Amino acid sequence: QVQLVESGGGLVQPGDSLTLSCVASGFTFSEYSMNWYRQAPGKELEFVAGSGVRESGHSTFYAESVEGRFTISRDNAKGTVYLHMSGLKPEDAAIYYCDHKGFYGQGTQVTVSS
């Protein structure tokens, strides 16, 4: 069955960088686009970034709130999608989830605080 395991979250200060990872299994990873979502306390699930099936990065798209600061990438051989986050802001604090066709992992917590 589909499994998505996110990791890499933590407590960082504003302006810091962090890279999240999501290891996928149970499906042919290289044939599917992958997305990152996040959910802050008391808020709805929010799309963050998406990646097409290629590793080249040509088919990537971002929420306006993270454009220019976050980069999604993938390693099809490892079945892993990454989210590199830079210039983190307090409003980026949330649980981050990777998504495969509406299936989410357990998430990884990102806290941004000075």
N, C-alpha and C. Protein backbone atom coordinates (compact mmCIF):
# COMPACT_ATOMS: atom_id res chain seq x y z
N GLN A 1 0.83 -1.18 0.00
CA GLN A 1 0.00 0.00 0.00
C GLN A 1 0.87 1.24 0.00
N VAL A 2 0.24 2.37 -0.31
CA VAL A 2 0.97 3.63 -0.37
C VAL A 2 1.46 4.02 1.02
N GLN A 3 2.72 4.41 1.08
CA GLN A 3 3.29 4.95 2.32
C GLN A 3 4.08 6.19 1.98
N LEU A 4 3.87 7.22 2.76
CA LEU A 4 4.62 8.47 2.64
C LEU A 4 5.17 8.81 4.01
N VAL A 5 6.48 8.98 4.10
CA VAL A 5 7.11 9.26 5.39
C VAL A 5 7.89 10.56 5.28
N GLU A 6 7.36 11.59 5.93
CA GLU A 6 8.01 12.90 5.93
C GLU A 6 8.99 13.01 7.09
N SER A 7 10.03 13.80 6.89
CA SER A 7 11.00 14.05 7.94
C SER A 7 11.72 15.36 7.64
N GLY A 8 12.50 15.82 8.62
CA GLY A 8 13.32 17.00 8.42
C GLY A 8 12.83 18.26 9.11
N GLY A 9 11.64 18.18 9.69
CA GLY A 9 11.13 19.35 10.38
C GLY A 9 11.93 19.66 11.64
N GLY A 10 11.62 20.81 12.23
CA GLY A 10 12.30 21.19 13.45
C GLY A 10 12.01 22.63 13.82
N LEU A 11 12.73 23.08 14.82
CA LEU A 11 12.61 24.46 15.30
C LEU A 11 13.74 25.29 14.70
N VAL A 12 13.39 26.34 14.00
CA VAL A 12 14.38 27.22 13.38
C VAL A 12 14.02 28.67 13.68
N GLN A 13 14.99 29.54 13.43
CA GLN A 13 14.75 30.96 13.62
C GLN A 13 14.33 31.61 12.30
N PRO A 14 13.66 32.74 12.37
CA PRO A 14 13.31 33.44 11.13
C PRO A 14 14.56 33.69 10.28
N GLY A 15 14.41 33.45 9.00
CA GLY A 15 15.53 33.62 8.07
C GLY A 15 16.32 32.36 7.82
N ASP A 16 16.14 31.36 8.65
CA ASP A 16 16.88 30.10 8.51
C ASP A 16 16.36 29.29 7.33
N SER A 17 17.10 28.23 7.03
CA SER A 17 16.72 27.30 5.98
C SER A 17 16.50 25.91 6.57
N LEU A 18 15.71 25.13 5.86
CA LEU A 18 15.40 23.77 6.31
C LEU A 18 15.00 22.98 5.07
N THR A 19 15.38 21.70 5.05
CA THR A 19 14.98 20.84 3.95
C THR A 19 14.18 19.66 4.47
N LEU A 20 12.99 19.52 3.94
CA LEU A 20 12.12 18.40 4.29
C LEU A 20 12.27 17.29 3.25
N SER A 21 12.08 16.06 3.71
CA SER A 21 12.13 14.91 2.82
C SER A 21 10.86 14.10 2.97
N CYS A 22 10.48 13.44 1.90
CA CYS A 22 9.33 12.54 1.93
C CYS A 22 9.70 11.30 1.12
N VAL A 23 9.80 10.18 1.81
CA VAL A 23 10.11 8.92 1.15
C VAL A 23 8.81 8.20 0.85
N ALA A 24 8.63 7.86 -0.42
CA ALA A 24 7.39 7.25 -0.87
C ALA A 24 7.61 5.78 -1.23
N SER A 25 6.58 4.99 -1.02
CA SER A 25 6.62 3.59 -1.42
C SER A 25 5.21 3.11 -1.69
N GLY A 26 5.11 1.97 -2.36
CA GLY A 26 3.80 1.40 -2.64
C GLY A 26 3.22 1.78 -3.98
N PHE A 27 3.94 2.56 -4.75
CA PHE A 27 3.50 2.92 -6.09
C PHE A 27 4.74 3.28 -6.90
N THR A 28 4.57 3.38 -8.19
CA THR A 28 5.71 3.69 -9.06
C THR A 28 5.94 5.20 -9.02
N PHE A 29 6.83 5.58 -8.15
CA PHE A 29 7.06 6.99 -7.82
C PHE A 29 7.34 7.83 -9.06
N SER A 30 8.15 7.32 -9.97
CA SER A 30 8.59 8.11 -11.12
C SER A 30 7.46 8.43 -12.09
N GLU A 31 6.30 7.83 -11.91
CA GLU A 31 5.19 8.05 -12.83
C GLU A 31 4.16 9.05 -12.31
N TYR A 32 4.41 9.62 -11.15
CA TYR A 32 3.41 10.50 -10.55
C TYR A 32 4.01 11.83 -10.10
N SER A 33 3.22 12.86 -10.26
CA SER A 33 3.58 14.13 -9.66
C SER A 33 3.41 14.02 -8.15
N MET A 34 4.12 14.87 -7.44
CA MET A 34 4.07 14.89 -5.98
C MET A 34 3.90 16.34 -5.51
N ASN A 35 3.26 16.48 -4.38
CA ASN A 35 3.00 17.82 -3.85
C ASN A 35 3.36 17.90 -2.37
N TRP A 36 3.57 19.11 -1.92
CA TRP A 36 3.70 19.41 -0.50
C TRP A 36 2.54 20.32 -0.10
N TYR A 37 1.95 20.01 1.05
CA TYR A 37 0.92 20.83 1.65
C TYR A 37 1.36 21.16 3.07
N ARG A 38 0.70 22.10 3.68
CA ARG A 38 0.95 22.41 5.08
C ARG A 38 -0.33 22.83 5.77
N GLN A 39 -0.34 22.66 7.08
CA GLN A 39 -1.50 23.06 7.87
C GLN A 39 -1.02 23.68 9.17
N ALA A 40 -1.32 24.95 9.33
CA ALA A 40 -1.00 25.66 10.55
C ALA A 40 -2.16 25.49 11.53
N PRO A 41 -1.89 25.66 12.83
CA PRO A 41 -2.96 25.51 13.83
C PRO A 41 -4.15 26.40 13.53
N GLY A 42 -5.32 25.83 13.51
CA GLY A 42 -6.54 26.59 13.29
C GLY A 42 -6.80 26.99 11.86
N LYS A 43 -5.95 26.52 10.95
CA LYS A 43 -6.11 26.89 9.54
C LYS A 43 -6.33 25.65 8.68
N GLU A 44 -6.80 25.89 7.47
CA GLU A 44 -7.05 24.79 6.55
C GLU A 44 -5.75 24.31 5.91
N LEU A 45 -5.82 23.13 5.37
CA LEU A 45 -4.69 22.59 4.62
C LEU A 45 -4.41 23.48 3.42
N GLU A 46 -3.15 23.80 3.22
CA GLU A 46 -2.77 24.76 2.18
C GLU A 46 -1.74 24.14 1.24
N PHE A 47 -1.97 24.26 -0.05
CA PHE A 47 -0.99 23.81 -1.04
C PHE A 47 0.28 24.66 -0.92
N VAL A 48 1.44 23.99 -1.00
CA VAL A 48 2.71 24.71 -0.91
C VAL A 48 3.48 24.63 -2.23
N ALA A 49 3.69 23.41 -2.72
CA ALA A 49 4.51 23.24 -3.91
C ALA A 49 4.18 21.91 -4.58
N GLY A 50 4.39 21.86 -5.89
CA GLY A 50 4.14 20.64 -6.64
C GLY A 50 5.24 20.39 -7.64
N SER A 51 5.46 19.11 -7.93
CA SER A 51 6.49 18.72 -8.87
C SER A 51 5.92 17.72 -9.86
N GLY A 52 6.23 17.94 -11.15
CA GLY A 52 5.90 16.95 -12.16
C GLY A 52 6.79 15.74 -12.00
N VAL A 53 6.70 14.81 -12.92
CA VAL A 53 7.38 13.53 -12.75
C VAL A 53 8.87 13.60 -13.01
N ARG A 54 9.31 14.60 -13.76
CA ARG A 54 10.73 14.67 -14.10
C ARG A 54 11.53 15.32 -12.98
N GLU A 55 12.79 14.96 -12.90
CA GLU A 55 13.67 15.51 -11.89
C GLU A 55 14.25 16.86 -12.30
N SER A 56 14.04 17.24 -13.52
CA SER A 56 14.71 18.42 -14.05
C SER A 56 14.26 19.72 -13.41
N GLY A 57 13.09 19.70 -12.81
CA GLY A 57 12.61 20.91 -12.16
C GLY A 57 11.82 21.82 -13.07
N HIS A 58 11.61 21.38 -14.33
CA HIS A 58 10.86 22.25 -15.25
C HIS A 58 9.38 22.31 -14.90
N SER A 59 8.86 21.25 -14.33
CA SER A 59 7.43 21.23 -14.02
C SER A 59 7.23 21.36 -12.53
N THR A 60 7.55 22.53 -12.01
CA THR A 60 7.33 22.80 -10.60
C THR A 60 6.46 24.02 -10.46
N PHE A 61 5.69 24.06 -9.41
CA PHE A 61 4.81 25.20 -9.20
C PHE A 61 4.64 25.40 -7.70
N TYR A 62 4.39 26.64 -7.33
CA TYR A 62 4.43 27.05 -5.94
C TYR A 62 3.27 27.96 -5.59
N ALA A 63 2.92 27.90 -4.32
CA ALA A 63 2.00 28.89 -3.79
C ALA A 63 2.69 30.25 -3.80
N GLU A 64 1.91 31.26 -4.00
CA GLU A 64 2.48 32.61 -4.07
C GLU A 64 3.24 32.96 -2.79
N SER A 65 2.78 32.46 -1.68
CA SER A 65 3.37 32.82 -0.39
C SER A 65 4.78 32.26 -0.21
N VAL A 66 5.16 31.26 -1.01
CA VAL A 66 6.48 30.65 -0.85
C VAL A 66 7.33 30.79 -2.10
N GLU A 67 6.77 31.31 -3.17
CA GLU A 67 7.50 31.47 -4.43
C GLU A 67 8.80 32.24 -4.20
N GLY A 68 9.89 31.69 -4.71
CA GLY A 68 11.19 32.36 -4.56
C GLY A 68 11.92 32.00 -3.29
N ARG A 69 11.24 31.37 -2.34
CA ARG A 69 11.89 30.97 -1.09
C ARG A 69 11.98 29.45 -0.95
N PHE A 70 11.01 28.75 -1.48
CA PHE A 70 10.95 27.29 -1.37
C PHE A 70 11.25 26.67 -2.73
N THR A 71 11.89 25.51 -2.69
CA THR A 71 12.18 24.76 -3.91
C THR A 71 11.81 23.29 -3.70
N ILE A 72 10.99 22.77 -4.60
CA ILE A 72 10.65 21.36 -4.55
C ILE A 72 11.54 20.62 -5.54
N SER A 73 11.99 19.45 -5.15
CA SER A 73 12.79 18.63 -6.05
C SER A 73 12.49 17.17 -5.74
N ARG A 74 12.99 16.29 -6.60
CA ARG A 74 12.71 14.87 -6.40
C ARG A 74 13.87 14.04 -6.91
N ASP A 75 14.02 12.88 -6.32
CA ASP A 75 14.99 11.89 -6.75
C ASP A 75 14.20 10.62 -7.03
N ASN A 76 13.96 10.36 -8.30
CA ASN A 76 13.11 9.22 -8.65
C ASN A 76 13.75 7.88 -8.28
N ALA A 77 15.07 7.81 -8.32
CA ALA A 77 15.74 6.57 -7.96
C ALA A 77 15.56 6.24 -6.48
N LYS A 78 15.44 7.27 -5.68
CA LYS A 78 15.27 7.08 -4.23
C LYS A 78 13.80 7.14 -3.81
N GLY A 79 12.92 7.46 -4.74
CA GLY A 79 11.51 7.58 -4.38
C GLY A 79 11.27 8.67 -3.35
N THR A 80 11.97 9.76 -3.49
CA THR A 80 11.94 10.80 -2.48
C THR A 80 11.67 12.16 -3.11
N VAL A 81 10.83 12.93 -2.46
CA VAL A 81 10.59 14.31 -2.85
C VAL A 81 11.05 15.20 -1.70
N TYR A 82 11.65 16.31 -2.05
CA TYR A 82 12.22 17.23 -1.07
C TYR A 82 11.53 18.59 -1.15
N LEU A 83 11.60 19.31 -0.06
CA LEU A 83 11.17 20.69 -0.04
C LEU A 83 12.25 21.48 0.68
N HIS A 84 13.01 22.25 -0.09
CA HIS A 84 14.04 23.09 0.50
C HIS A 84 13.42 24.45 0.78
N MET A 85 13.47 24.86 2.02
CA MET A 85 12.84 26.10 2.45
C MET A 85 13.91 27.05 2.94
N SER A 86 13.92 28.24 2.42
CA SER A 86 14.86 29.26 2.86
C SER A 86 14.10 30.53 3.22
N GLY A 87 14.76 31.41 3.92
CA GLY A 87 14.10 32.64 4.34
C GLY A 87 12.83 32.39 5.11
N LEU A 88 12.89 31.42 6.03
CA LEU A 88 11.67 31.03 6.74
C LEU A 88 11.12 32.17 7.58
N LYS A 89 9.81 32.24 7.62
CA LYS A 89 9.08 33.26 8.35
C LYS A 89 8.21 32.60 9.41
N PRO A 90 7.84 33.32 10.44
CA PRO A 90 6.95 32.73 11.45
C PRO A 90 5.66 32.16 10.84
N GLU A 91 5.17 32.79 9.80
CA GLU A 91 3.94 32.31 9.16
C GLU A 91 4.13 31.02 8.36
N ASP A 92 5.37 30.57 8.21
CA ASP A 92 5.62 29.28 7.57
C ASP A 92 5.47 28.12 8.55
N ALA A 93 5.35 28.42 9.82
CA ALA A 93 5.21 27.37 10.83
C ALA A 93 3.94 26.57 10.59
N ALA A 94 4.09 25.26 10.53
CA ALA A 94 2.95 24.39 10.23
C ALA A 94 3.44 22.94 10.26
N ILE A 95 2.49 22.04 10.14
CA ILE A 95 2.83 20.65 9.85
C ILE A 95 2.84 20.51 8.34
N TYR A 96 3.92 19.98 7.82
CA TYR A 96 4.08 19.83 6.39
C TYR A 96 3.85 18.37 5.98
N TYR A 97 3.06 18.21 4.94
CA TYR A 97 2.70 16.88 4.45
C TYR A 97 3.06 16.75 2.98
N CYS A 98 3.54 15.57 2.59
CA CYS A 98 3.62 15.33 1.15
C CYS A 98 2.37 14.58 0.73
N ASP A 99 2.05 14.72 -0.54
CA ASP A 99 0.77 14.26 -1.05
C ASP A 99 0.94 13.43 -2.32
N HIS A 100 0.27 12.31 -2.36
CA HIS A 100 0.18 11.50 -3.58
C HIS A 100 -1.29 11.20 -3.82
N LYS A 101 -1.87 11.90 -4.76
CA LYS A 101 -3.26 11.67 -5.16
C LYS A 101 -4.20 11.71 -3.97
N GLY A 102 -4.00 12.65 -3.07
CA GLY A 102 -4.91 12.81 -1.95
C GLY A 102 -4.55 11.99 -0.73
N PHE A 103 -3.48 11.23 -0.83
CA PHE A 103 -2.99 10.47 0.32
C PHE A 103 -1.82 11.23 0.93
N TYR A 104 -1.87 11.39 2.26
CA TYR A 104 -0.83 12.14 2.96
C TYR A 104 -0.11 11.27 3.96
N GLY A 105 1.14 11.65 4.24
CA GLY A 105 1.85 10.99 5.31
C GLY A 105 1.46 11.55 6.66
N GLN A 106 2.28 11.25 7.66
CA GLN A 106 1.98 11.71 9.02
C GLN A 106 2.39 13.15 9.25
N GLY A 107 3.19 13.67 8.35
CA GLY A 107 3.60 15.07 8.45
C GLY A 107 4.85 15.27 9.28
N THR A 108 5.45 16.44 9.12
CA THR A 108 6.61 16.83 9.91
C THR A 108 6.43 18.28 10.33
N GLN A 109 6.68 18.55 11.59
CA GLN A 109 6.40 19.86 12.18
C GLN A 109 7.54 20.83 11.91
N VAL A 110 7.19 21.99 11.45
CA VAL A 110 8.15 23.08 11.28
C VAL A 110 7.71 24.23 12.18
N THR A 111 8.61 24.65 13.04
CA THR A 111 8.35 25.77 13.94
C THR A 111 9.37 26.86 13.66
N VAL A 112 8.88 28.06 13.46
CA VAL A 112 9.76 29.19 13.17
C VAL A 112 9.57 30.22 14.26
N SER A 113 10.58 30.39 15.07
CA SER A 113 10.45 31.29 16.21
C SER A 113 11.82 31.79 16.63
N SER A 114 11.85 33.05 17.06
CA SER A 114 13.09 33.60 17.57
C SER A 114 13.17 33.41 19.08
